[in-house]
């Protein structure tokens, strides 16, 4: 695709509303992800349910945002 074509598309896209641009962006990203894998989707749903259950039952160790950031900074600096 030529630079001219891309510039034309950018110009056209800039006239869309915010919600239309968001919908387009979502569709473009989904087109890069490949076909949906229902088994993976199900596994993630089960994992999310398991984690929510642990939080509700008081079995999870929760961190404040600052604790989380501090932990991540420490990992990244290693």
PDB file of N, CA and C in Angstrom:
ATOM      1  N   UNK A   1       0.842  -1.170   0.000  1.00  0.00           N
ATOM      2  CA  UNK A   1       0.000   0.000   0.000  1.00  0.00           C
ATOM      3  C   UNK A   1       0.888   1.234   0.000  1.00  0.00           C
ATOM      4  N   UNK A   2       0.563   2.182  -0.808  1.00  0.00           N
ATOM      5  CA  UNK A   2       1.405   3.368  -0.957  1.00  0.00           C
ATOM      6  C   UNK A   2       1.188   4.353   0.186  1.00  0.00           C
ATOM      7  N   UNK A   3       2.156   5.222   0.356  1.00  0.00           N
ATOM      8  CA  UNK A   3       2.062   6.277   1.363  1.00  0.00           C
ATOM      9  C   UNK A   3       0.858   7.168   1.083  1.00  0.00           C
ATOM     10  N   UNK A   4       0.606   7.402  -0.202  1.00  0.00           N
ATOM     11  CA  UNK A   4      -0.541   8.230  -0.588  1.00  0.00           C
ATOM     12  C   UNK A   4      -1.858   7.591  -0.143  1.00  0.00           C
ATOM     13  N   UNK A   5      -1.967   6.298  -0.314  1.00  0.00           N
ATOM     14  CA  UNK A   5      -3.180   5.584   0.097  1.00  0.00           C
ATOM     15  C   UNK A   5      -3.342   5.631   1.613  1.00  0.00           C
ATOM     16  N   UNK A   6      -2.251   5.418   2.324  1.00  0.00           N
ATOM     17  CA  UNK A   6      -2.314   5.484   3.789  1.00  0.00           C
ATOM     18  C   UNK A   6      -2.703   6.879   4.263  1.00  0.00           C
ATOM     19  N   UNK A   7      -2.144   7.901   3.648  1.00  0.00           N
ATOM     20  CA  UNK A   7      -2.498   9.277   4.012  1.00  0.00           C
ATOM     21  C   UNK A   7      -3.981   9.538   3.774  1.00  0.00           C
ATOM     22  N   UNK A   8      -4.501   9.011   2.663  1.00  0.00           N
ATOM     23  CA  UNK A   8      -5.927   9.171   2.349  1.00  0.00           C
ATOM     24  C   UNK A   8      -6.781   8.471   3.417  1.00  0.00           C
ATOM     25  N   UNK A   9      -6.395   7.262   3.795  1.00  0.00           N
ATOM     26  CA  UNK A   9      -7.131   6.529   4.834  1.00  0.00           C
ATOM     27  C   UNK A   9      -7.099   7.278   6.161  1.00  0.00           C
ATOM     28  N   UNK A  10      -5.942   7.789   6.534  1.00  0.00           N
ATOM     29  CA  UNK A  10      -5.823   8.551   7.789  1.00  0.00           C
ATOM     30  C   UNK A  10      -6.743   9.760   7.766  1.00  0.00           C
ATOM     31  N   UNK A  11      -6.793  10.427   6.623  1.00  0.00           N
ATOM     32  CA  UNK A  11      -7.658  11.589   6.477  1.00  0.00           C
ATOM     33  C   UNK A  11      -9.122  11.197   6.639  1.00  0.00           C
ATOM     34  N   UNK A  12      -9.506  10.101   6.014  1.00  0.00           N
ATOM     35  CA  UNK A  12     -10.884   9.618   6.113  1.00  0.00           C
ATOM     36  C   UNK A  12     -11.220   9.224   7.552  1.00  0.00           C
ATOM     37  N   UNK A  13     -10.306   8.533   8.197  1.00  0.00           N
ATOM     38  CA  UNK A  13     -10.531   8.056   9.564  1.00  0.00           C
ATOM     39  C   UNK A  13     -10.676   9.222  10.533  1.00  0.00           C
ATOM     40  N   UNK A  14      -9.939  10.287  10.304  1.00  0.00           N
ATOM     41  CA  UNK A  14      -9.990  11.433  11.218  1.00  0.00           C
ATOM     42  C   UNK A  14     -11.358  12.105  11.225  1.00  0.00           C
ATOM     43  N   UNK A  15     -12.195  11.838  10.232  1.00  0.00           N
ATOM     44  CA  UNK A  15     -13.534  12.431  10.191  1.00  0.00           C
ATOM     45  C   UNK A  15     -14.551  11.611  10.983  1.00  0.00           C
ATOM     46  N   UNK A  16     -14.162  10.402  11.403  1.00  0.00           N
ATOM     47  CA  UNK A  16     -15.066   9.548  12.162  1.00  0.00           C
ATOM     48  C   UNK A  16     -15.210  10.045  13.592  1.00  0.00           C
ATOM     49  N   UNK A  17     -16.322   9.690  14.219  1.00  0.00           N
ATOM     50  CA  UNK A  17     -16.514  10.021  15.639  1.00  0.00           C
ATOM     51  C   UNK A  17     -15.577   9.155  16.484  1.00  0.00           C
ATOM     52  N   UNK A  18     -15.449   9.514  17.728  1.00  0.00           N
ATOM     53  CA  UNK A  18     -14.581   8.750  18.633  1.00  0.00           C
ATOM     54  C   UNK A  18     -15.043   7.295  18.729  1.00  0.00           C
ATOM     55  N   UNK A  19     -16.342   7.079  18.855  1.00  0.00           N
ATOM     56  CA  UNK A  19     -16.837   5.704  18.983  1.00  0.00           C
ATOM     57  C   UNK A  19     -16.637   4.924  17.679  1.00  0.00           C
ATOM     58  N   UNK A  20     -16.749   5.590  16.543  1.00  0.00           N
ATOM     59  CA  UNK A  20     -16.509   4.915  15.267  1.00  0.00           C
ATOM     60  C   UNK A  20     -15.034   4.544  15.115  1.00  0.00           C
ATOM     61  N   UNK A  21     -14.141   5.452  15.536  1.00  0.00           N
ATOM     62  CA  UNK A  21     -12.704   5.145  15.479  1.00  0.00           C
ATOM     63  C   UNK A  21     -12.357   4.011  16.425  1.00  0.00           C
ATOM     64  N   UNK A  22     -12.989   3.982  17.587  1.00  0.00           N
ATOM     65  CA  UNK A  22     -12.742   2.893  18.542  1.00  0.00           C
ATOM     66  C   UNK A  22     -13.197   1.560  17.966  1.00  0.00           C
ATOM     67  N   UNK A  23     -14.369   1.553  17.330  1.00  0.00           N
ATOM     68  CA  UNK A  23     -14.873   0.318  16.718  1.00  0.00           C
ATOM     69  C   UNK A  23     -13.943  -0.141  15.599  1.00  0.00           C
ATOM     70  N   UNK A  24     -13.472   0.789  14.788  1.00  0.00           N
ATOM     71  CA  UNK A  24     -12.550   0.448  13.708  1.00  0.00           C
ATOM     72  C   UNK A  24     -11.242  -0.098  14.270  1.00  0.00           C
ATOM     73  N   UNK A  25     -10.724   0.560  15.301  1.00  0.00           N
ATOM     74  CA  UNK A  25      -9.476   0.096  15.915  1.00  0.00           C
ATOM     75  C   UNK A  25      -9.638  -1.315  16.460  1.00  0.00           C
ATOM     76  N   UNK A  26     -10.756  -1.571  17.116  1.00  0.00           N
ATOM     77  CA  UNK A  26     -11.019  -2.903  17.662  1.00  0.00           C
ATOM     78  C   UNK A  26     -11.048  -3.944  16.537  1.00  0.00           C
ATOM     79  N   UNK A  27     -11.712  -3.620  15.438  1.00  0.00           N
ATOM     80  CA  UNK A  27     -11.777  -4.547  14.304  1.00  0.00           C
ATOM     81  C   UNK A  27     -10.404  -4.789  13.687  1.00  0.00           C
ATOM     82  N   UNK A  28      -9.600  -3.728  13.577  1.00  0.00           N
ATOM     83  CA  UNK A  28      -8.253  -3.889  13.014  1.00  0.00           C
ATOM     84  C   UNK A  28      -7.391  -4.770  13.905  1.00  0.00           C
ATOM     85  N   UNK A  29      -7.460  -4.556  15.201  1.00  0.00           N
ATOM     86  CA  UNK A  29      -6.671  -5.357  16.133  1.00  0.00           C
ATOM     87  C   UNK A  29      -7.122  -6.817  16.086  1.00  0.00           C
ATOM     88  N   UNK A  30      -8.428  -7.020  16.051  1.00  0.00           N
ATOM     89  CA  UNK A  30      -8.941  -8.394  15.975  1.00  0.00           C
ATOM     90  C   UNK A  30      -8.489  -9.077  14.692  1.00  0.00           C
ATOM     91  N   UNK A  31      -8.358  -8.314  13.604  1.00  0.00           N
ATOM     92  CA  UNK A  31      -7.925  -8.917  12.341  1.00  0.00           C
ATOM     93  C   UNK A  31      -6.466  -9.366  12.403  1.00  0.00           C
ATOM     94  N   UNK A  32      -5.696  -8.807  13.320  1.00  0.00           N
ATOM     95  CA  UNK A  32      -4.297  -9.195  13.484  1.00  0.00           C
ATOM     96  C   UNK A  32      -4.135 -10.396  14.407  1.00  0.00           C
ATOM     97  N   UNK A  33      -5.134 -10.646  15.238  1.00  0.00           N
ATOM     98  CA  UNK A  33      -5.052 -11.722  16.219  1.00  0.00           C
ATOM     99  C   UNK A  33      -5.247 -13.110  15.640  1.00  0.00           C
ATOM    100  N   UNK A  34      -5.795 -13.225  14.479  1.00  0.00           N
ATOM    101  CA  UNK A  34      -6.066 -14.537  13.911  1.00  0.00           C
ATOM    102  C   UNK A  34      -7.396 -15.065  14.408  1.00  0.00           C
ATOM    103  N   UNK A  35      -7.699 -16.296  14.058  1.00  0.00           N
ATOM    104  CA  UNK A  35      -9.007 -16.851  14.442  1.00  0.00           C
ATOM    105  C   UNK A  35      -9.117 -17.045  15.950  1.00  0.00           C
ATOM    106  N   UNK A  36     -10.334 -16.916  16.420  1.00  0.00           N
ATOM    107  CA  UNK A  36     -10.621 -17.081  17.849  1.00  0.00           C
ATOM    108  C   UNK A  36     -10.489 -18.552  18.224  1.00  0.00           C
ATOM    109  N   UNK A  37      -9.874 -18.807  19.358  1.00  0.00           N
ATOM    110  CA  UNK A  37      -9.706 -20.171  19.868  1.00  0.00           C
ATOM    111  C   UNK A  37     -10.614 -20.335  21.082  1.00  0.00           C
ATOM    112  N   UNK A  38     -11.719 -21.044  20.894  1.00  0.00           N
ATOM    113  CA  UNK A  38     -12.698 -21.204  21.961  1.00  0.00           C
ATOM    114  C   UNK A  38     -12.124 -21.897  23.193  1.00  0.00           C
ATOM    115  N   UNK A  39     -11.179 -22.811  23.000  1.00  0.00           N
ATOM    116  CA  UNK A  39     -10.567 -23.512  24.130  1.00  0.00           C
ATOM    117  C   UNK A  39      -9.770 -22.536  24.986  1.00  0.00           C
ATOM    118  N   UNK A  40      -9.059 -21.634  24.339  1.00  0.00           N
ATOM    119  CA  UNK A  40      -8.286 -20.627  25.079  1.00  0.00           C
ATOM    120  C   UNK A  40      -9.231 -19.682  25.807  1.00  0.00           C
ATOM    121  N   UNK A  41     -10.283 -19.263  25.127  1.00  0.00           N
ATOM    122  CA  UNK A  41     -11.289 -18.381  25.737  1.00  0.00           C
ATOM    123  C   UNK A  41     -11.880 -19.020  26.989  1.00  0.00           C
ATOM    124  N   UNK A  42     -12.224 -20.295  26.900  1.00  0.00           N
ATOM    125  CA  UNK A  42     -12.790 -21.025  28.034  1.00  0.00           C
ATOM    126  C   UNK A  42     -11.774 -21.138  29.167  1.00  0.00           C
ATOM    127  N   UNK A  43     -10.527 -21.422  28.834  1.00  0.00           N
ATOM    128  CA  UNK A  43      -9.480 -21.537  29.858  1.00  0.00           C
ATOM    129  C   UNK A  43      -9.306 -20.212  30.598  1.00  0.00           C
ATOM    130  N   UNK A  44      -9.325 -19.089  29.852  1.00  0.00           N
ATOM    131  CA  UNK A  44      -9.194 -17.782  30.495  1.00  0.00           C
ATOM    132  C   UNK A  44     -10.397 -17.478  31.384  1.00  0.00           C
ATOM    133  N   UNK A  45     -11.594 -17.814  30.924  1.00  0.00           N
ATOM    134  CA  UNK A  45     -12.790 -17.594  31.741  1.00  0.00           C
ATOM    135  C   UNK A  45     -12.715 -18.385  33.039  1.00  0.00           C
ATOM    136  N   UNK A  46     -12.242 -19.621  32.962  1.00  0.00           N
ATOM    137  CA  UNK A  46     -12.089 -20.439  34.163  1.00  0.00           C
ATOM    138  C   UNK A  46     -11.038 -19.853  35.103  1.00  0.00           C
ATOM    139  N   UNK A  47      -9.932 -19.378  34.543  1.00  0.00           N
ATOM    140  CA  UNK A  47      -8.867 -18.784  35.359  1.00  0.00           C
ATOM    141  C   UNK A  47      -9.365 -17.516  36.049  1.00  0.00           C
ATOM    142  N   UNK A  48     -10.103 -16.705  35.326  1.00  0.00           N
ATOM    143  CA  UNK A  48     -10.651 -15.475  35.916  1.00  0.00           C
ATOM    144  C   UNK A  48     -11.600 -15.819  37.051  1.00  0.00           C
ATOM    145  N   UNK A  49     -12.467 -16.797  36.835  1.00  0.00           N
ATOM    146  CA  UNK A  49     -13.400 -17.217  37.886  1.00  0.00           C
ATOM    147  C   UNK A  49     -12.648 -17.735  39.105  1.00  0.00           C
ATOM    148  N   UNK A  50     -11.598 -18.514  38.871  1.00  0.00           N
ATOM    149  CA  UNK A  50     -10.796 -19.054  39.981  1.00  0.00           C
ATOM    150  C   UNK A  50     -10.173 -17.917  40.789  1.00  0.00           C
ATOM    151  N   UNK A  51      -9.634 -16.924  40.103  1.00  0.00           N
ATOM    152  CA  UNK A  51      -8.991 -15.801  40.794  1.00  0.00           C
ATOM    153  C   UNK A  51      -9.999 -14.951  41.558  1.00  0.00           C
ATOM    154  N   UNK A  52     -11.141 -14.696  40.962  1.00  0.00           N
ATOM    155  CA  UNK A  52     -12.185 -13.913  41.640  1.00  0.00           C
ATOM    156  C   UNK A  52     -12.636 -14.653  42.892  1.00  0.00           C
ATOM    157  N   UNK A  53     -12.805 -15.954  42.782  1.00  0.00           N
ATOM    158  CA  UNK A  53     -13.219 -16.767  43.924  1.00  0.00           C
ATOM    159  C   UNK A  53     -12.199 -16.667  45.061  1.00  0.00           C
ATOM    160  N   UNK A  54     -10.907 -16.731  44.728  1.00  0.00           N
ATOM    161  CA  UNK A  54      -9.861 -16.621  45.753  1.00  0.00           C
ATOM    162  C   UNK A  54      -9.906 -15.265  46.446  1.00  0.00           C
ATOM    163  N   UNK A  55     -10.173 -14.215  45.689  1.00  0.00           N
ATOM    164  CA  UNK A  55     -10.267 -12.882  46.291  1.00  0.00           C
ATOM    165  C   UNK A  55     -11.469 -12.824  47.221  1.00  0.00           C
ATOM    166  N   UNK A  56     -12.615 -13.297  46.745  1.00  0.00           N
ATOM    167  CA  UNK A  56     -13.844 -13.266  47.550  1.00  0.00           C
ATOM    168  C   UNK A  56     -13.722 -14.093  48.819  1.00  0.00           C
ATOM    169  N   UNK A  57     -12.984 -15.208  48.751  1.00  0.00           N
ATOM    170  CA  UNK A  57     -12.820 -16.085  49.912  1.00  0.00           C
ATOM    171  C   UNK A  57     -11.684 -15.656  50.832  1.00  0.00           C
ATOM    172  N   UNK A  58     -11.012 -14.567  50.482  1.00  0.00           N
ATOM    173  CA  UNK A  58      -9.911 -14.083  51.305  1.00  0.00           C
ATOM    174  C   UNK A  58      -8.653 -14.921  51.183  1.00  0.00           C
ATOM    175  N   UNK A  59      -8.541 -15.703  50.130  1.00  0.00           N
ATOM    176  CA  UNK A  59      -7.394 -16.584  49.943  1.00  0.00           C
ATOM    177  C   UNK A  59      -6.288 -15.951  49.110  1.00  0.00           C
ATOM    178  N   UNK A  60      -6.552 -14.775  48.549  1.00  0.00           N
ATOM    179  CA  UNK A  60      -5.576 -14.122  47.670  1.00  0.00           C
ATOM    180  C   UNK A  60      -4.834 -13.038  48.447  1.00  0.00           C
ATOM    181  N   UNK A  61      -3.574 -12.852  48.103  1.00  0.00           N
ATOM    182  CA  UNK A  61      -2.790 -11.756  48.662  1.00  0.00           C
ATOM    183  C   UNK A  61      -2.908 -10.583  47.707  1.00  0.00           C
ATOM    184  N   UNK A  62      -3.522  -9.514  48.185  1.00  0.00           N
ATOM    185  CA  UNK A  62      -3.737  -8.346  47.344  1.00  0.00           C
ATOM    186  C   UNK A  62      -2.673  -7.293  47.625  1.00  0.00           C
ATOM    187  N   UNK A  63      -2.276  -6.585  46.587  1.00  0.00           N
ATOM    188  CA  UNK A  63      -1.273  -5.540  46.697  1.00  0.00           C
ATOM    189  C   UNK A  63      -1.894  -4.202  46.354  1.00  0.00           C
ATOM    190  N   UNK A  64      -1.385  -3.166  46.998  1.00  0.00           N
ATOM    191  CA  UNK A  64      -1.796  -1.822  46.601  1.00  0.00           C
ATOM    192  C   UNK A  64      -1.123  -1.507  45.269  1.00  0.00           C
ATOM    193  N   UNK A  65      -1.583  -0.474  44.624  1.00  0.00           N
ATOM    194  CA  UNK A  65      -0.991  -0.078  43.347  1.00  0.00           C
ATOM    195  C   UNK A  65       0.488   0.241  43.526  1.00  0.00           C
ATOM    196  N   UNK A  66       0.810   0.922  44.606  1.00  0.00           N
ATOM    197  CA  UNK A  66       2.210   1.291  44.833  1.00  0.00           C
ATOM    198  C   UNK A  66       3.077   0.060  45.102  1.00  0.00           C
ATOM    199  N   UNK A  67       2.568  -0.916  45.840  1.00  0.00           N
ATOM    200  CA  UNK A  67       3.315  -2.152  46.065  1.00  0.00           C
ATOM    201  C   UNK A  67       3.559  -2.889  44.746  1.00  0.00           C
ATOM    202  N   UNK A  68       2.518  -2.942  43.925  1.00  0.00           N
ATOM    203  CA  UNK A  68       2.645  -3.600  42.631  1.00  0.00           C
ATOM    204  C   UNK A  68       3.690  -2.899  41.774  1.00  0.00           C
ATOM    205  N   UNK A  69       3.616  -1.573  41.695  1.00  0.00           N
ATOM    206  CA  UNK A  69       4.591  -0.822  40.895  1.00  0.00           C
ATOM    207  C   UNK A  69       6.008  -1.026  41.408  1.00  0.00           C
ATOM    208  N   UNK A  70       6.155  -1.011  42.703  1.00  0.00           N
ATOM    209  CA  UNK A  70       7.477  -1.208  43.292  1.00  0.00           C
ATOM    210  C   UNK A  70       8.017  -2.598  42.940  1.00  0.00           C
ATOM    211  N   UNK A  71       7.189  -3.609  43.029  1.00  0.00           N
ATOM    212  CA  UNK A  71       7.599  -4.966  42.666  1.00  0.00           C
ATOM    213  C   UNK A  71       7.997  -5.059  41.191  1.00  0.00           C
ATOM    214  N   UNK A  72       7.222  -4.431  40.336  1.00  0.00           N
ATOM    215  CA  UNK A  72       7.513  -4.476  38.894  1.00  0.00           C
ATOM    216  C   UNK A  72       8.804  -3.724  38.573  1.00  0.00           C
ATOM    217  N   UNK A  73       9.011  -2.583  39.216  1.00  0.00           N
ATOM    218  CA  UNK A  73      10.253  -1.833  38.992  1.00  0.00           C
ATOM    219  C   UNK A  73      11.460  -2.659  39.427  1.00  0.00           C
ATOM    220  N   UNK A  74      11.316  -3.345  40.542  1.00  0.00           N
ATOM    221  CA  UNK A  74      12.420  -4.181  41.022  1.00  0.00           C
ATOM    222  C   UNK A  74      12.713  -5.308  40.038  1.00  0.00           C
ATOM    223  N   UNK A  75      11.679  -5.924  39.500  1.00  0.00           N
ATOM    224  CA  UNK A  75      11.877  -7.005  38.509  1.00  0.00           C
ATOM    225  C   UNK A  75      12.536  -6.485  37.243  1.00  0.00           C
ATOM    226  N   UNK A  76      12.119  -5.324  36.792  1.00  0.00           N
ATOM    227  CA  UNK A  76      12.657  -4.765  35.557  1.00  0.00           C
ATOM    228  C   UNK A  76      14.104  -4.310  35.686  1.00  0.00           C
ATOM    229  N   UNK A  77      14.503  -3.955  36.874  1.00  0.00           N
ATOM    230  CA  UNK A  77      15.879  -3.466  37.065  1.00  0.00           C
ATOM    231  C   UNK A  77      16.884  -4.595  37.285  1.00  0.00           C
ATOM    232  N   UNK A  78      16.414  -5.821  37.334  1.00  0.00           N
ATOM    233  CA  UNK A  78      17.335  -6.963  37.542  1.00  0.00           C
ATOM    234  C   UNK A  78      18.122  -7.263  36.308  1.00  0.00           C
TER     235      UNK A  78
END
